[in-house]
């Protein structure tokens, strides 16, 4: 735990992988390389941080993040746009929001 003048790590991430087990959740956050990959290959990415937590903590965090983002959209009048291709690739729907 940071305190007493210790610097808290600060990351920007543009990808994550999440896995669940009966004992908890693991999220690995990545940063994609700015260099275009060779044709037919996925972009290179660097693992930045691995975050583990209980299922209960993950569920509460997801609920609070959703509420904060919805509040932001409502208060600002702006919609956080998600490209249709991303919905398709992740097997999501705007109705999931």
Protein backbone atom coordinates (compact mmCIF):
# COMPACT_ATOMS: atom_id res chain seq x y z
CA UNK A 1 0.00 0.00 0.00
CA UNK A 2 1.39 3.38 -0.98
CA UNK A 3 1.83 6.05 1.61
CA UNK A 4 4.41 8.26 3.19
CA UNK A 5 5.63 9.81 -0.04
CA UNK A 6 5.71 6.61 -2.10
CA UNK A 7 4.70 7.10 -5.72
CA UNK A 8 1.64 5.17 -6.88
CA UNK A 9 2.12 3.40 -10.25
CA UNK A 10 0.15 5.07 -13.05
CA UNK A 11 -0.82 3.07 -16.15
CA UNK A 12 -2.74 3.62 -19.37
CA UNK A 13 -4.16 0.42 -20.85
CA UNK A 14 -6.09 -0.35 -24.02
CA UNK A 15 -6.71 -4.10 -23.63
CA UNK A 16 -7.54 -6.52 -20.86
CA UNK A 17 -8.19 -10.20 -20.34
CA UNK A 18 -10.38 -11.39 -17.49
CA UNK A 19 -10.62 -14.89 -16.05
CA UNK A 20 -12.85 -16.17 -13.26
CA UNK A 21 -12.66 -19.13 -10.92
CA UNK A 22 -14.74 -20.08 -7.88
CA UNK A 23 -12.11 -18.28 -5.78
CA UNK A 24 -11.72 -14.98 -7.58
CA UNK A 25 -11.15 -12.85 -10.65
CA UNK A 26 -7.90 -12.09 -12.44
CA UNK A 27 -7.63 -9.16 -14.85
CA UNK A 28 -4.49 -8.67 -16.92
CA UNK A 29 -4.16 -5.21 -18.43
CA UNK A 30 -2.11 -4.65 -21.59
CA UNK A 31 -0.86 -1.82 -23.77
CA UNK A 32 -0.85 -2.39 -27.53
CA UNK A 33 2.27 -1.46 -29.46
CA UNK A 34 1.92 1.68 -31.60
CA UNK A 35 3.77 -0.12 -34.41
CA UNK A 36 1.50 -1.82 -36.95
CA UNK A 37 1.83 -5.61 -36.88
CA UNK A 38 2.93 -7.64 -39.88
CA UNK A 39 0.01 -8.67 -42.11
CA UNK A 40 -2.06 -11.47 -40.60
CA UNK A 41 -0.60 -11.09 -37.10
CA UNK A 42 -2.23 -9.54 -34.03
CA UNK A 43 -0.76 -6.34 -32.63
CA UNK A 44 2.09 -6.79 -30.17
CA UNK A 45 1.12 -5.98 -26.60
CA UNK A 46 2.88 -5.54 -23.30
CA UNK A 47 1.47 -6.85 -20.02
CA UNK A 48 1.33 -3.91 -17.61
CA UNK A 49 -0.36 -5.23 -14.51
CA UNK A 50 -2.13 -8.31 -13.20
CA UNK A 51 -4.96 -7.49 -10.79
CA UNK A 52 -6.58 -10.18 -8.63
CA UNK A 53 -9.64 -9.79 -6.43
CA UNK A 54 -12.55 -11.67 -4.93
CA UNK A 55 -15.67 -12.31 -6.98
CA UNK A 56 -17.60 -10.05 -4.61
CA UNK A 57 -15.13 -7.19 -5.00
CA UNK A 58 -15.19 -7.55 -8.80
CA UNK A 59 -19.00 -7.47 -8.87
CA UNK A 60 -19.21 -4.37 -6.66
CA UNK A 61 -16.49 -2.68 -8.73
CA UNK A 62 -18.35 -3.46 -11.99
CA UNK A 63 -21.59 -2.09 -10.54
CA UNK A 64 -19.90 1.12 -9.35
CA UNK A 65 -18.07 1.62 -12.67
CA UNK A 66 -21.32 1.18 -14.61
CA UNK A 67 -23.11 3.69 -12.38
CA UNK A 68 -20.27 6.23 -12.66
CA UNK A 69 -20.17 5.94 -16.46
CA UNK A 70 -23.96 6.20 -16.80
CA UNK A 71 -23.96 9.24 -14.48
CA UNK A 72 -21.26 10.82 -16.63
CA UNK A 73 -23.27 10.26 -19.81
CA UNK A 74 -26.44 11.63 -18.20
CA UNK A 75 -24.77 14.70 -16.67
CA UNK A 76 -22.66 15.59 -19.71
CA UNK A 77 -25.31 14.77 -22.33
CA UNK A 78 -22.63 12.84 -24.21
CA UNK A 79 -22.78 9.18 -25.16
CA UNK A 80 -19.60 7.15 -24.87
CA UNK A 81 -19.58 5.67 -28.36
CA UNK A 82 -18.57 2.05 -28.91
CA UNK A 83 -17.85 1.02 -32.52
CA UNK A 84 -20.25 -1.62 -33.85
CA UNK A 85 -17.31 -3.85 -34.81
CA UNK A 86 -16.23 -3.94 -31.17
CA UNK A 87 -19.71 -5.00 -30.04
CA UNK A 88 -19.59 -7.75 -32.66
CA UNK A 89 -16.07 -8.91 -31.80
CA UNK A 90 -16.88 -9.11 -28.08
CA UNK A 91 -20.33 -10.65 -28.63
CA UNK A 92 -21.98 -7.66 -26.94
CA UNK A 93 -25.01 -5.54 -27.73
CA UNK A 94 -25.86 -1.92 -26.95
CA UNK A 95 -28.71 -3.44 -24.91
CA UNK A 96 -26.08 -4.93 -22.56
CA UNK A 97 -25.39 -1.40 -21.36
